Amino acid sequence: MLALSRKRDEAIVINDNIEVTVIDIKGDQVKLGISAPKSIPVYRKEVYLQIQNANQEAAKSVDLSQLKELFGKK
């Protein structure tokens, strides 16, 4: 992990097309602004983990034999 120090209104750039800017700092809370292309999803980590868990649960409920039958494979 790369650890950087930034002050209010300072930013970092990731991969030429993502910019993360420190918007505000109040106590132990930091407000960040993220500019990224619409094709790149940006999630809070807790939301991302919920999505991943939901996808894993959905995948468990799939009956592979029915999928093979649907696509004509045995």
PDB file of N, CA and C in Angstrom:
ATOM      1  N   MET A   1       0.845  -1.181   0.000  1.00  0.00           N
ATOM      2  CA  MET A   1       0.000   0.000   0.000  1.00  0.00           C
ATOM      3  C   MET A   1       0.885   1.236   0.000  1.00  0.00           C
ATOM      4  N   LEU A   2       0.534   2.167  -0.835  1.00  0.00           N
ATOM      5  CA  LEU A   2       1.219   3.451  -0.881  1.00  0.00           C
ATOM      6  C   LEU A   2       0.501   4.406   0.063  1.00  0.00           C
ATOM      7  N   ALA A   3       1.209   4.999   0.994  1.00  0.00           N
ATOM      8  CA  ALA A   3       0.620   5.965   1.931  1.00  0.00           C
ATOM      9  C   ALA A   3       1.131   7.356   1.572  1.00  0.00           C
ATOM     10  N   LEU A   4       0.201   8.278   1.362  1.00  0.00           N
ATOM     11  CA  LEU A   4       0.555   9.641   0.987  1.00  0.00           C
ATOM     12  C   LEU A   4      -0.052  10.641   1.960  1.00  0.00           C
ATOM     13  N   SER A   5       0.625  11.744   2.154  1.00  0.00           N
ATOM     14  CA  SER A   5       0.067  12.854   2.928  1.00  0.00           C
ATOM     15  C   SER A   5      -0.436  13.900   1.945  1.00  0.00           C
ATOM     16  N   ARG A   6      -1.653  14.358   2.135  1.00  0.00           N
ATOM     17  CA  ARG A   6      -2.243  15.388   1.292  1.00  0.00           C
ATOM     18  C   ARG A   6      -2.945  16.389   2.185  1.00  0.00           C
ATOM     19  N   LYS A   7      -2.954  17.642   1.776  1.00  0.00           N
ATOM     20  CA  LYS A   7      -3.678  18.689   2.480  1.00  0.00           C
ATOM     21  C   LYS A   7      -4.964  18.980   1.721  1.00  0.00           C
ATOM     22  N   ARG A   8      -5.833  19.756   2.322  1.00  0.00           N
ATOM     23  CA  ARG A   8      -7.081  20.152   1.663  1.00  0.00           C
ATOM     24  C   ARG A   8      -6.772  20.740   0.285  1.00  0.00           C
ATOM     25  N   ASP A   9      -7.582  20.369  -0.692  1.00  0.00           N
ATOM     26  CA  ASP A   9      -7.481  20.804  -2.087  1.00  0.00           C
ATOM     27  C   ASP A   9      -6.296  20.211  -2.841  1.00  0.00           C
ATOM     28  N   GLU A  10      -5.563  19.308  -2.232  1.00  0.00           N
ATOM     29  CA  GLU A  10      -4.505  18.599  -2.949  1.00  0.00           C
ATOM     30  C   GLU A  10      -5.083  17.281  -3.469  1.00  0.00           C
ATOM     31  N   ALA A  11      -4.450  16.751  -4.503  1.00  0.00           N
ATOM     32  CA  ALA A  11      -4.998  15.559  -5.155  1.00  0.00           C
ATOM     33  C   ALA A  11      -3.903  14.562  -5.493  1.00  0.00           C
ATOM     34  N   ILE A  12      -4.341  13.362  -5.851  1.00  0.00           N
ATOM     35  CA  ILE A  12      -3.468  12.359  -6.450  1.00  0.00           C
ATOM     36  C   ILE A  12      -4.133  11.914  -7.748  1.00  0.00           C
ATOM     37  N   VAL A  13      -3.322  11.430  -8.680  1.00  0.00           N
ATOM     38  CA  VAL A  13      -3.829  10.939  -9.960  1.00  0.00           C
ATOM     39  C   VAL A  13      -3.453   9.469 -10.075  1.00  0.00           C
ATOM     40  N   ILE A  14      -4.430   8.657 -10.501  1.00  0.00           N
ATOM     41  CA  ILE A  14      -4.219   7.228 -10.669  1.00  0.00           C
ATOM     42  C   ILE A  14      -4.462   6.887 -12.132  1.00  0.00           C
ATOM     43  N   ASN A  15      -3.485   6.277 -12.754  1.00  0.00           N
ATOM     44  CA  ASN A  15      -3.628   5.748 -14.109  1.00  0.00           C
ATOM     45  C   ASN A  15      -4.072   6.809 -15.123  1.00  0.00           C
ATOM     46  N   ASP A  16      -3.630   8.010 -15.010  1.00  0.00           N
ATOM     47  CA  ASP A  16      -3.906   9.103 -15.967  1.00  0.00           C
ATOM     48  C   ASP A  16      -5.360   9.543 -16.075  1.00  0.00           C
ATOM     49  N   ASN A  17      -6.314   8.802 -15.479  1.00  0.00           N
ATOM     50  CA  ASN A  17      -7.711   9.182 -15.692  1.00  0.00           C
ATOM     51  C   ASN A  17      -8.578   9.167 -14.426  1.00  0.00           C
ATOM     52  N   ILE A  18      -7.957   8.968 -13.284  1.00  0.00           N
ATOM     53  CA  ILE A  18      -8.691   9.010 -12.012  1.00  0.00           C
ATOM     54  C   ILE A  18      -7.985  10.017 -11.108  1.00  0.00           C
ATOM     55  N   GLU A  19      -8.752  10.971 -10.598  1.00  0.00           N
ATOM     56  CA  GLU A  19      -8.188  11.975  -9.695  1.00  0.00           C
ATOM     57  C   GLU A  19      -8.950  11.942  -8.373  1.00  0.00           C
ATOM     58  N   VAL A  20      -8.188  11.843  -7.285  1.00  0.00           N
ATOM     59  CA  VAL A  20      -8.765  11.831  -5.939  1.00  0.00           C
ATOM     60  C   VAL A  20      -8.282  13.105  -5.240  1.00  0.00           C
ATOM     61  N   THR A  21      -9.242  13.941  -4.824  1.00  0.00           N
ATOM     62  CA  THR A  21      -8.932  15.232  -4.211  1.00  0.00           C
ATOM     63  C   THR A  21      -9.446  15.273  -2.781  1.00  0.00           C
ATOM     64  N   VAL A  22      -8.634  15.800  -1.884  1.00  0.00           N
ATOM     65  CA  VAL A  22      -9.079  16.022  -0.504  1.00  0.00           C
ATOM     66  C   VAL A  22      -9.917  17.293  -0.523  1.00  0.00           C
ATOM     67  N   ILE A  23     -11.215  17.146  -0.230  1.00  0.00           N
ATOM     68  CA  ILE A  23     -12.129  18.288  -0.254  1.00  0.00           C
ATOM     69  C   ILE A  23     -12.199  18.977   1.098  1.00  0.00           C
ATOM     70  N   ASP A  24     -12.251  18.179   2.166  1.00  0.00           N
ATOM     71  CA  ASP A  24     -12.401  18.769   3.497  1.00  0.00           C
ATOM     72  C   ASP A  24     -11.861  17.808   4.538  1.00  0.00           C
ATOM     73  N   ILE A  25     -11.407  18.358   5.651  1.00  0.00           N
ATOM     74  CA  ILE A  25     -10.921  17.574   6.788  1.00  0.00           C
ATOM     75  C   ILE A  25     -11.553  18.160   8.041  1.00  0.00           C
ATOM     76  N   LYS A  26     -12.302  17.327   8.753  1.00  0.00           N
ATOM     77  CA  LYS A  26     -12.919  17.749  10.013  1.00  0.00           C
ATOM     78  C   LYS A  26     -12.684  16.659  11.049  1.00  0.00           C
ATOM     79  N   GLY A  27     -11.840  16.957  12.023  1.00  0.00           N
ATOM     80  CA  GLY A  27     -11.538  15.966  13.054  1.00  0.00           C
ATOM     81  C   GLY A  27     -10.922  14.722  12.434  1.00  0.00           C
ATOM     82  N   ASP A  28     -11.563  13.567  12.674  1.00  0.00           N
ATOM     83  CA  ASP A  28     -11.033  12.315  12.144  1.00  0.00           C
ATOM     84  C   ASP A  28     -11.711  11.899  10.834  1.00  0.00           C
ATOM     85  N   GLN A  29     -12.427  12.833  10.213  1.00  0.00           N
ATOM     86  CA  GLN A  29     -13.137  12.529   8.977  1.00  0.00           C
ATOM     87  C   GLN A  29     -12.545  13.333   7.820  1.00  0.00           C
ATOM     88  N   VAL A  30     -12.311  12.641   6.707  1.00  0.00           N
ATOM     89  CA  VAL A  30     -11.770  13.267   5.509  1.00  0.00           C
ATOM     90  C   VAL A  30     -12.791  13.105   4.394  1.00  0.00           C
ATOM     91  N   LYS A  31     -13.116  14.189   3.708  1.00  0.00           N
ATOM     92  CA  LYS A  31     -14.047  14.125   2.582  1.00  0.00           C
ATOM     93  C   LYS A  31     -13.215  14.148   1.302  1.00  0.00           C
ATOM     94  N   LEU A  32     -13.440  13.121   0.454  1.00  0.00           N
ATOM     95  CA  LEU A  32     -12.702  12.989  -0.786  1.00  0.00           C
ATOM     96  C   LEU A  32     -13.613  13.203  -1.977  1.00  0.00           C
ATOM     97  N   GLY A  33     -13.082  13.785  -3.019  1.00  0.00           N
ATOM     98  CA  GLY A  33     -13.777  13.888  -4.295  1.00  0.00           C
ATOM     99  C   GLY A  33     -13.050  13.006  -5.291  1.00  0.00           C
ATOM    100  N   ILE A  34     -13.804  12.224  -6.060  1.00  0.00           N
ATOM    101  CA  ILE A  34     -13.196  11.297  -7.014  1.00  0.00           C
ATOM    102  C   ILE A  34     -13.728  11.612  -8.409  1.00  0.00           C
ATOM    103  N   SER A  35     -12.823  11.908  -9.317  1.00  0.00           N
ATOM    104  CA  SER A  35     -13.173  12.123 -10.720  1.00  0.00           C
ATOM    105  C   SER A  35     -12.633  10.943 -11.512  1.00  0.00           C
ATOM    106  N   ALA A  36     -13.557  10.217 -12.156  1.00  0.00           N
ATOM    107  CA  ALA A  36     -13.164   9.058 -12.949  1.00  0.00           C
ATOM    108  C   ALA A  36     -14.110   8.935 -14.134  1.00  0.00           C
ATOM    109  N   PRO A  37     -13.672   8.283 -15.205  1.00  0.00           N
ATOM    110  CA  PRO A  37     -14.567   8.064 -16.335  1.00  0.00           C
ATOM    111  C   PRO A  37     -15.799   7.274 -15.891  1.00  0.00           C
ATOM    112  N   LYS A  38     -16.928   7.512 -16.556  1.00  0.00           N
ATOM    113  CA  LYS A  38     -18.171   6.824 -16.201  1.00  0.00           C
ATOM    114  C   LYS A  38     -18.047   5.311 -16.351  1.00  0.00           C
ATOM    115  N   SER A  39     -17.128   4.860 -17.168  1.00  0.00           N
ATOM    116  CA  SER A  39     -16.950   3.426 -17.385  1.00  0.00           C
ATOM    117  C   SER A  39     -16.253   2.728 -16.211  1.00  0.00           C
ATOM    118  N   ILE A  40     -15.738   3.505 -15.267  1.00  0.00           N
ATOM    119  CA  ILE A  40     -15.050   2.938 -14.103  1.00  0.00           C
ATOM    120  C   ILE A  40     -15.945   3.086 -12.883  1.00  0.00           C
ATOM    121  N   PRO A  41     -16.449   1.963 -12.345  1.00  0.00           N
ATOM    122  CA  PRO A  41     -17.298   2.064 -11.162  1.00  0.00           C
ATOM    123  C   PRO A  41     -16.474   2.462  -9.929  1.00  0.00           C
ATOM    124  N   VAL A  42     -17.056   3.311  -9.106  1.00  0.00           N
ATOM    125  CA  VAL A  42     -16.406   3.740  -7.866  1.00  0.00           C
ATOM    126  C   VAL A  42     -17.396   3.481  -6.732  1.00  0.00           C
ATOM    127  N   TYR A  43     -16.995   2.661  -5.756  1.00  0.00           N
ATOM    128  CA  TYR A  43     -17.856   2.298  -4.634  1.00  0.00           C
ATOM    129  C   TYR A  43     -17.136   2.530  -3.311  1.00  0.00           C
ATOM    130  N   ARG A  44     -17.921   2.810  -2.267  1.00  0.00           N
ATOM    131  CA  ARG A  44     -17.364   2.723  -0.916  1.00  0.00           C
ATOM    132  C   ARG A  44     -17.067   1.245  -0.668  1.00  0.00           C
ATOM    133  N   LYS A  45     -16.042   0.935   0.095  1.00  0.00           N
ATOM    134  CA  LYS A  45     -15.627  -0.454   0.264  1.00  0.00           C
ATOM    135  C   LYS A  45     -16.740  -1.320   0.830  1.00  0.00           C
ATOM    136  N   GLU A  46     -17.510  -0.808   1.793  1.00  0.00           N
ATOM    137  CA  GLU A  46     -18.564  -1.635   2.390  1.00  0.00           C
ATOM    138  C   GLU A  46     -19.652  -1.972   1.372  1.00  0.00           C
ATOM    139  N   VAL A  47     -19.929  -1.059   0.457  1.00  0.00           N
ATOM    140  CA  VAL A  47     -20.911  -1.328  -0.598  1.00  0.00           C
ATOM    141  C   VAL A  47     -20.334  -2.344  -1.586  1.00  0.00           C
ATOM    142  N   TYR A  48     -19.074  -2.189  -1.944  1.00  0.00           N
ATOM    143  CA  TYR A  48     -18.408  -3.115  -2.849  1.00  0.00           C
ATOM    144  C   TYR A  48     -18.443  -4.540  -2.286  1.00  0.00           C
ATOM    145  N   LEU A  49     -18.170  -4.683  -0.999  1.00  0.00           N
ATOM    146  CA  LEU A  49     -18.187  -6.006  -0.369  1.00  0.00           C
ATOM    147  C   LEU A  49     -19.590  -6.596  -0.361  1.00  0.00           C
ATOM    148  N   GLN A  50     -20.614  -5.775  -0.149  1.00  0.00           N
ATOM    149  CA  GLN A  50     -21.995  -6.254  -0.206  1.00  0.00           C
ATOM    150  C   GLN A  50     -22.337  -6.754  -1.603  1.00  0.00           C
ATOM    151  N   ILE A  51     -21.893  -6.041  -2.615  1.00  0.00           N
ATOM    152  CA  ILE A  51     -22.131  -6.461  -4.000  1.00  0.00           C
ATOM    153  C   ILE A  51     -21.445  -7.793  -4.271  1.00  0.00           C
ATOM    154  N   GLN A  52     -20.205  -7.920  -3.833  1.00  0.00           N
ATOM    155  CA  GLN A  52     -19.467  -9.164  -4.036  1.00  0.00           C
ATOM    156  C   GLN A  52     -20.158 -10.335  -3.345  1.00  0.00           C
ATOM    157  N   ASN A  53     -20.603 -10.124  -2.105  1.00  0.00           N
ATOM    158  CA  ASN A  53     -21.296 -11.186  -1.367  1.00  0.00           C
ATOM    159  C   ASN A  53     -22.599 -11.571  -2.048  1.00  0.00           C
ATOM    160  N   ALA A  54     -23.344 -10.586  -2.517  1.00  0.00           N
ATOM    161  CA  ALA A  54     -24.606 -10.865  -3.215  1.00  0.00           C
ATOM    162  C   ALA A  54     -24.344 -11.646  -4.499  1.00  0.00           C
ATOM    163  N   ASN A  55     -23.296 -11.303  -5.222  1.00  0.00           N
ATOM    164  CA  ASN A  55     -22.951 -12.027  -6.444  1.00  0.00           C
ATOM    165  C   ASN A  55     -22.565 -13.473  -6.143  1.00  0.00           C
ATOM    166  N   GLN A  56     -21.820 -13.685  -5.063  1.00  0.00           N
ATOM    167  CA  GLN A  56     -21.426 -15.047  -4.685  1.00  0.00           C
ATOM    168  C   GLN A  56     -22.644 -15.875  -4.292  1.00  0.00           C
ATOM    169  N   GLU A  57     -23.566 -15.278  -3.557  1.00  0.00           N
ATOM    170  CA  GLU A  57     -24.786 -15.992  -3.161  1.00  0.00           C
ATOM    171  C   GLU A  57     -25.635 -16.322  -4.386  1.00  0.00           C
ATOM    172  N   ALA A  58     -25.730 -15.392  -5.311  1.00  0.00           N
ATOM    173  CA  ALA A  58     -26.500 -15.631  -6.533  1.00  0.00           C
ATOM    174  C   ALA A  58     -25.870 -16.750  -7.356  1.00  0.00           C
ATOM    175  N   ALA A  59     -24.556 -16.774  -7.413  1.00  0.00           N
ATOM    176  CA  ALA A  59     -23.864 -17.820  -8.176  1.00  0.00           C
ATOM    177  C   ALA A  59     -24.096 -19.195  -7.563  1.00  0.00           C
ATOM    178  N   LYS A  60     -24.219 -19.266  -6.240  1.00  0.00           N
ATOM    179  CA  LYS A  60     -24.470 -20.541  -5.562  1.00  0.00           C
ATOM    180  C   LYS A  60     -25.856 -21.092  -5.904  1.00  0.00           C
ATOM    181  N   SER A  61     -26.788 -20.213  -6.209  1.00  0.00           N
ATOM    182  CA  SER A  61     -28.157 -20.651  -6.457  1.00  0.00           C
ATOM    183  C   SER A  61     -28.379 -21.105  -7.900  1.00  0.00           C
ATOM    184  N   VAL A  62     -27.360 -20.985  -8.743  1.00  0.00           N
ATOM    185  CA  VAL A  62     -27.484 -21.379 -10.145  1.00  0.00           C
ATOM    186  C   VAL A  62     -27.296 -22.879 -10.274  1.00  0.00           C
ATOM    187  N   ASP A  63     -28.222 -23.530 -10.982  1.00  0.00           N
ATOM    188  CA  ASP A  63     -28.128 -24.963 -11.253  1.00  0.00           C
ATOM    189  C   ASP A  63     -27.407 -25.130 -12.592  1.00  0.00           C
ATOM    190  N   LEU A  64     -26.156 -25.590 -12.533  1.00  0.00           N
ATOM    191  CA  LEU A  64     -25.352 -25.693 -13.744  1.00  0.00           C
ATOM    192  C   LEU A  64     -25.945 -26.656 -14.757  1.00  0.00           C
ATOM    193  N   SER A  65     -26.599 -27.717 -14.301  1.00  0.00           N
ATOM    194  CA  SER A  65     -27.190 -28.668 -15.245  1.00  0.00           C
ATOM    195  C   SER A  65     -28.301 -27.999 -16.050  1.00  0.00           C
ATOM    196  N   GLN A  66     -29.068 -27.117 -15.419  1.00  0.00           N
ATOM    197  CA  GLN A  66     -30.114 -26.389 -16.149  1.00  0.00           C
ATOM    198  C   GLN A  66     -29.508 -25.423 -17.161  1.00  0.00           C
ATOM    199  N   LEU A  67     -28.398 -24.784 -16.795  1.00  0.00           N
ATOM    200  CA  LEU A  67     -27.728 -23.881 -17.726  1.00  0.00           C
ATOM    201  C   LEU A  67     -27.197 -24.644 -18.930  1.00  0.00           C
ATOM    202  N   LYS A  68     -26.587 -25.808 -18.679  1.00  0.00           N
ATOM    203  CA  LYS A  68     -26.062 -26.614 -19.787  1.00  0.00           C
ATOM    204  C   LYS A  68     -27.200 -27.028 -20.714  1.00  0.00           C
ATOM    205  N   GLU A  69     -28.322 -27.408 -20.135  1.00  0.00           N
ATOM    206  CA  GLU A  69     -29.485 -27.804 -20.937  1.00  0.00           C
ATOM    207  C   GLU A  69     -30.003 -26.620 -21.753  1.00  0.00           C
ATOM    208  N   LEU A  70     -30.013 -25.452 -21.138  1.00  0.00           N
ATOM    209  CA  LEU A  70     -30.480 -24.260 -21.813  1.00  0.00           C
ATOM    210  C   LEU A  70     -29.641 -23.936 -23.034  1.00  0.00           C
ATOM    211  N   PHE A  71     -28.326 -24.135 -22.919  1.00  0.00           N
ATOM    212  CA  PHE A  71     -27.420 -23.824 -24.011  1.00  0.00           C
ATOM    213  C   PHE A  71     -27.117 -25.043 -24.878  1.00  0.00           C
ATOM    214  N   GLY A  72     -27.837 -26.147 -24.653  1.00  0.00           N
ATOM    215  CA  GLY A  72     -27.694 -27.332 -25.510  1.00  0.00           C
ATOM    216  C   GLY A  72     -26.420 -28.101 -25.310  1.00  0.00           C
ATOM    217  N   LYS A  73     -25.823 -28.023 -24.145  1.00  0.00           N
ATOM    218  CA  LYS A  73     -24.597 -28.773 -23.860  1.00  0.00           C
ATOM    219  C   LYS A  73     -24.899 -29.836 -22.823  1.00  0.00           C
ATOM    220  N   LYS A  74     -24.242 -30.951 -22.950  1.00  0.00           N
ATOM    221  CA  LYS A  74     -24.435 -32.045 -21.976  1.00  0.00           C
ATOM    222  C   LYS A  74     -23.181 -32.345 -21.225  1.00  0.00           C
TER     223      LYS A  74
END
